[in-house]
């Protein structure tokens, strides 16, 4: 397992734990908040055009019923491999 993948999985576990510790009235909006933060970070990291391609690949996965697991990672770009 690459260091980047290991770090990603660790970050996902930490974020999941942090969401569980939020007040109940904030948990229902946590996913949307995380999506906004993630989208901004991806755009800053790879630019708008590549972020659009990455999110399109994510949309394809979701459209086909393949939800990314909280404990793993779905490779959407060469950066995740």
N, C-alpha and C. Protein backbone atom coordinates (compact mmCIF):
# COMPACT_ATOMS: atom_id res chain seq x y z
N UNK A 1 0.86 -1.18 0.00
CA UNK A 1 0.00 0.00 0.00
C UNK A 1 0.90 1.24 0.00
N UNK A 2 0.58 2.15 -0.87
CA UNK A 2 1.38 3.36 -0.96
C UNK A 2 1.15 4.23 0.27
N UNK A 3 2.13 5.08 0.57
CA UNK A 3 1.99 6.01 1.70
C UNK A 3 0.80 6.93 1.50
N UNK A 4 0.58 7.37 0.26
CA UNK A 4 -0.53 8.29 -0.01
C UNK A 4 -1.87 7.61 0.26
N UNK A 5 -2.03 6.37 -0.16
CA UNK A 5 -3.27 5.63 0.09
C UNK A 5 -3.45 5.40 1.59
N UNK A 6 -2.38 5.03 2.27
CA UNK A 6 -2.44 4.83 3.73
C UNK A 6 -2.86 6.13 4.41
N UNK A 7 -2.27 7.23 4.00
CA UNK A 7 -2.62 8.54 4.58
C UNK A 7 -4.08 8.90 4.30
N UNK A 8 -4.55 8.58 3.08
CA UNK A 8 -5.93 8.85 2.72
C UNK A 8 -6.88 8.05 3.60
N UNK A 9 -6.59 6.77 3.78
CA UNK A 9 -7.46 5.94 4.62
C UNK A 9 -7.44 6.42 6.07
N UNK A 10 -6.30 6.83 6.56
CA UNK A 10 -6.22 7.36 7.92
C UNK A 10 -7.04 8.64 8.05
N UNK A 11 -6.92 9.51 7.06
CA UNK A 11 -7.69 10.77 7.07
C UNK A 11 -9.18 10.48 7.07
N UNK A 12 -9.61 9.50 6.27
CA UNK A 12 -11.03 9.17 6.22
C UNK A 12 -11.53 8.65 7.57
N UNK A 13 -10.72 7.83 8.24
CA UNK A 13 -11.11 7.33 9.57
C UNK A 13 -11.22 8.48 10.56
N UNK A 14 -10.25 9.39 10.53
CA UNK A 14 -10.28 10.54 11.44
C UNK A 14 -11.48 11.44 11.19
N UNK A 15 -11.79 11.67 9.91
CA UNK A 15 -12.94 12.51 9.56
C UNK A 15 -14.24 11.83 10.00
N UNK A 16 -14.36 10.53 9.76
CA UNK A 16 -15.57 9.80 10.17
C UNK A 16 -15.76 9.90 11.67
N UNK A 17 -14.69 9.75 12.41
CA UNK A 17 -14.76 9.86 13.88
C UNK A 17 -15.16 11.28 14.29
N UNK A 18 -14.60 12.27 13.62
CA UNK A 18 -14.93 13.66 13.94
C UNK A 18 -16.40 13.96 13.65
N UNK A 19 -16.93 13.43 12.55
CA UNK A 19 -18.34 13.65 12.22
C UNK A 19 -19.23 13.03 13.30
N UNK A 20 -18.86 11.85 13.78
CA UNK A 20 -19.64 11.20 14.83
C UNK A 20 -19.66 12.02 16.11
N UNK A 21 -18.63 12.83 16.34
CA UNK A 21 -18.56 13.62 17.57
C UNK A 21 -19.24 14.99 17.43
N UNK A 22 -19.75 15.31 16.25
CA UNK A 22 -20.46 16.57 16.07
C UNK A 22 -21.80 16.54 16.81
N UNK A 23 -22.31 17.71 17.19
CA UNK A 23 -23.66 17.75 17.75
C UNK A 23 -24.64 17.17 16.73
N UNK A 24 -25.68 16.49 17.22
CA UNK A 24 -26.62 15.81 16.33
C UNK A 24 -27.21 16.73 15.28
N UNK A 25 -27.49 17.98 15.64
CA UNK A 25 -28.11 18.89 14.68
C UNK A 25 -27.14 19.33 13.58
N UNK A 26 -25.87 19.00 13.69
CA UNK A 26 -24.89 19.33 12.65
C UNK A 26 -24.55 18.13 11.77
N UNK A 27 -24.82 16.92 12.26
CA UNK A 27 -24.43 15.72 11.51
C UNK A 27 -25.12 15.61 10.17
N UNK A 28 -26.38 16.06 10.10
CA UNK A 28 -27.11 15.91 8.84
C UNK A 28 -26.59 16.82 7.74
N UNK A 29 -25.83 17.83 8.07
CA UNK A 29 -25.24 18.70 7.05
C UNK A 29 -23.73 18.47 6.91
N UNK A 30 -23.19 17.53 7.69
CA UNK A 30 -21.75 17.27 7.65
C UNK A 30 -21.30 16.79 6.27
N UNK A 31 -22.07 15.92 5.65
CA UNK A 31 -21.67 15.41 4.33
C UNK A 31 -21.59 16.54 3.31
N UNK A 32 -22.56 17.43 3.32
CA UNK A 32 -22.54 18.55 2.38
C UNK A 32 -21.35 19.47 2.67
N UNK A 33 -21.09 19.71 3.95
CA UNK A 33 -19.95 20.56 4.31
C UNK A 33 -18.64 19.92 3.85
N UNK A 34 -18.50 18.61 4.07
CA UNK A 34 -17.28 17.91 3.64
C UNK A 34 -17.15 17.91 2.12
N UNK A 35 -18.27 17.77 1.41
CA UNK A 35 -18.23 17.80 -0.05
C UNK A 35 -17.74 19.17 -0.54
N UNK A 36 -18.24 20.23 0.06
CA UNK A 36 -17.81 21.57 -0.33
C UNK A 36 -16.32 21.77 -0.07
N UNK A 37 -15.84 21.32 1.08
CA UNK A 37 -14.42 21.45 1.42
C UNK A 37 -13.57 20.62 0.46
N UNK A 38 -14.03 19.38 0.19
CA UNK A 38 -13.28 18.50 -0.71
C UNK A 38 -13.24 19.07 -2.12
N UNK A 39 -14.37 19.56 -2.60
CA UNK A 39 -14.41 20.12 -3.96
C UNK A 39 -13.44 21.29 -4.09
N UNK A 40 -13.44 22.16 -3.10
CA UNK A 40 -12.53 23.31 -3.14
C UNK A 40 -11.08 22.85 -3.12
N UNK A 41 -10.77 21.85 -2.28
CA UNK A 41 -9.40 21.35 -2.20
C UNK A 41 -8.96 20.70 -3.50
N UNK A 42 -9.84 19.94 -4.14
CA UNK A 42 -9.49 19.29 -5.40
C UNK A 42 -9.25 20.34 -6.48
N UNK A 43 -10.10 21.34 -6.56
CA UNK A 43 -9.93 22.40 -7.55
C UNK A 43 -8.60 23.11 -7.32
N UNK A 44 -8.27 23.40 -6.07
CA UNK A 44 -6.99 24.07 -5.78
C UNK A 44 -5.81 23.17 -6.14
N UNK A 45 -5.97 21.86 -5.96
CA UNK A 45 -4.88 20.93 -6.20
C UNK A 45 -4.64 20.67 -7.68
N UNK A 46 -5.73 20.49 -8.46
CA UNK A 46 -5.55 20.07 -9.85
C UNK A 46 -6.14 21.03 -10.87
N UNK A 47 -6.85 22.05 -10.43
CA UNK A 47 -7.47 23.00 -11.34
C UNK A 47 -8.89 22.59 -11.69
N UNK A 48 -9.63 23.53 -12.23
CA UNK A 48 -11.06 23.33 -12.51
C UNK A 48 -11.31 22.23 -13.54
N UNK A 49 -10.57 22.22 -14.62
CA UNK A 49 -10.83 21.25 -15.69
C UNK A 49 -10.61 19.82 -15.20
N UNK A 50 -9.48 19.56 -14.56
CA UNK A 50 -9.21 18.20 -14.07
C UNK A 50 -10.16 17.84 -12.94
N UNK A 51 -10.50 18.78 -12.08
CA UNK A 51 -11.48 18.51 -11.01
C UNK A 51 -12.81 18.11 -11.62
N UNK A 52 -13.21 18.78 -12.69
CA UNK A 52 -14.45 18.41 -13.37
C UNK A 52 -14.40 16.99 -13.88
N UNK A 53 -13.26 16.58 -14.45
CA UNK A 53 -13.12 15.21 -14.93
C UNK A 53 -13.18 14.21 -13.78
N UNK A 54 -12.51 14.54 -12.67
CA UNK A 54 -12.53 13.66 -11.49
C UNK A 54 -13.95 13.51 -10.96
N UNK A 55 -14.67 14.63 -10.83
CA UNK A 55 -16.03 14.56 -10.31
C UNK A 55 -16.96 13.86 -11.29
N UNK A 56 -16.69 13.95 -12.59
CA UNK A 56 -17.49 13.23 -13.57
C UNK A 56 -17.29 11.72 -13.40
N UNK A 57 -16.04 11.30 -13.14
CA UNK A 57 -15.79 9.87 -12.91
C UNK A 57 -16.49 9.42 -11.63
N UNK A 58 -16.51 10.26 -10.60
CA UNK A 58 -17.24 9.94 -9.37
C UNK A 58 -18.73 9.82 -9.67
N UNK A 59 -19.26 10.73 -10.46
CA UNK A 59 -20.67 10.67 -10.84
C UNK A 59 -20.97 9.37 -11.57
N UNK A 60 -20.07 8.93 -12.44
CA UNK A 60 -20.27 7.66 -13.15
C UNK A 60 -20.34 6.50 -12.16
N UNK A 61 -19.44 6.48 -11.18
CA UNK A 61 -19.45 5.43 -10.16
C UNK A 61 -20.79 5.43 -9.42
N UNK A 62 -21.23 6.59 -9.00
CA UNK A 62 -22.48 6.70 -8.24
C UNK A 62 -23.67 6.31 -9.09
N UNK A 63 -23.67 6.74 -10.35
CA UNK A 63 -24.77 6.42 -11.26
C UNK A 63 -24.92 4.91 -11.42
N UNK A 64 -23.79 4.20 -11.39
CA UNK A 64 -23.80 2.74 -11.53
C UNK A 64 -24.02 2.03 -10.20
N UNK A 65 -24.30 2.80 -9.13
CA UNK A 65 -24.61 2.21 -7.83
C UNK A 65 -23.40 1.81 -7.02
N UNK A 66 -22.23 2.28 -7.40
CA UNK A 66 -21.01 1.94 -6.66
C UNK A 66 -20.66 3.10 -5.74
N UNK A 67 -21.08 3.01 -4.50
CA UNK A 67 -20.78 4.06 -3.53
C UNK A 67 -19.38 3.83 -2.96
N UNK A 68 -18.56 4.88 -2.93
CA UNK A 68 -17.23 4.72 -2.32
C UNK A 68 -17.36 4.37 -0.85
N UNK A 69 -16.62 3.36 -0.40
CA UNK A 69 -16.70 2.98 1.01
C UNK A 69 -15.96 3.99 1.89
N UNK A 70 -16.45 4.20 3.09
CA UNK A 70 -15.79 5.12 4.02
C UNK A 70 -14.44 4.56 4.47
N UNK A 71 -14.27 3.25 4.38
CA UNK A 71 -13.04 2.63 4.87
C UNK A 71 -12.01 2.41 3.77
N UNK A 72 -12.36 2.72 2.54
CA UNK A 72 -11.45 2.48 1.43
C UNK A 72 -11.36 3.69 0.54
N UNK A 73 -10.86 3.48 -0.66
CA UNK A 73 -10.72 4.58 -1.60
C UNK A 73 -11.06 4.10 -2.99
N UNK A 74 -11.74 4.94 -3.74
CA UNK A 74 -12.02 4.69 -5.14
C UNK A 74 -11.05 5.54 -5.93
N UNK A 75 -10.27 4.92 -6.78
CA UNK A 75 -9.31 5.67 -7.58
C UNK A 75 -10.04 6.41 -8.69
N UNK A 76 -9.97 7.73 -8.65
CA UNK A 76 -10.60 8.56 -9.66
C UNK A 76 -9.58 9.30 -10.51
N UNK A 77 -8.33 9.25 -10.11
CA UNK A 77 -7.27 9.90 -10.86
C UNK A 77 -5.96 9.19 -10.58
N UNK A 78 -4.96 9.51 -11.34
CA UNK A 78 -3.63 8.95 -11.12
C UNK A 78 -3.04 9.38 -9.78
N UNK A 79 -3.56 10.44 -9.20
CA UNK A 79 -3.03 10.93 -7.94
C UNK A 79 -3.38 10.00 -6.79
N UNK A 80 -4.45 9.20 -6.92
CA UNK A 80 -4.89 8.31 -5.86
C UNK A 80 -4.20 6.96 -5.90
N UNK A 81 -3.53 6.67 -7.00
CA UNK A 81 -2.93 5.34 -7.15
C UNK A 81 -1.62 5.25 -6.40
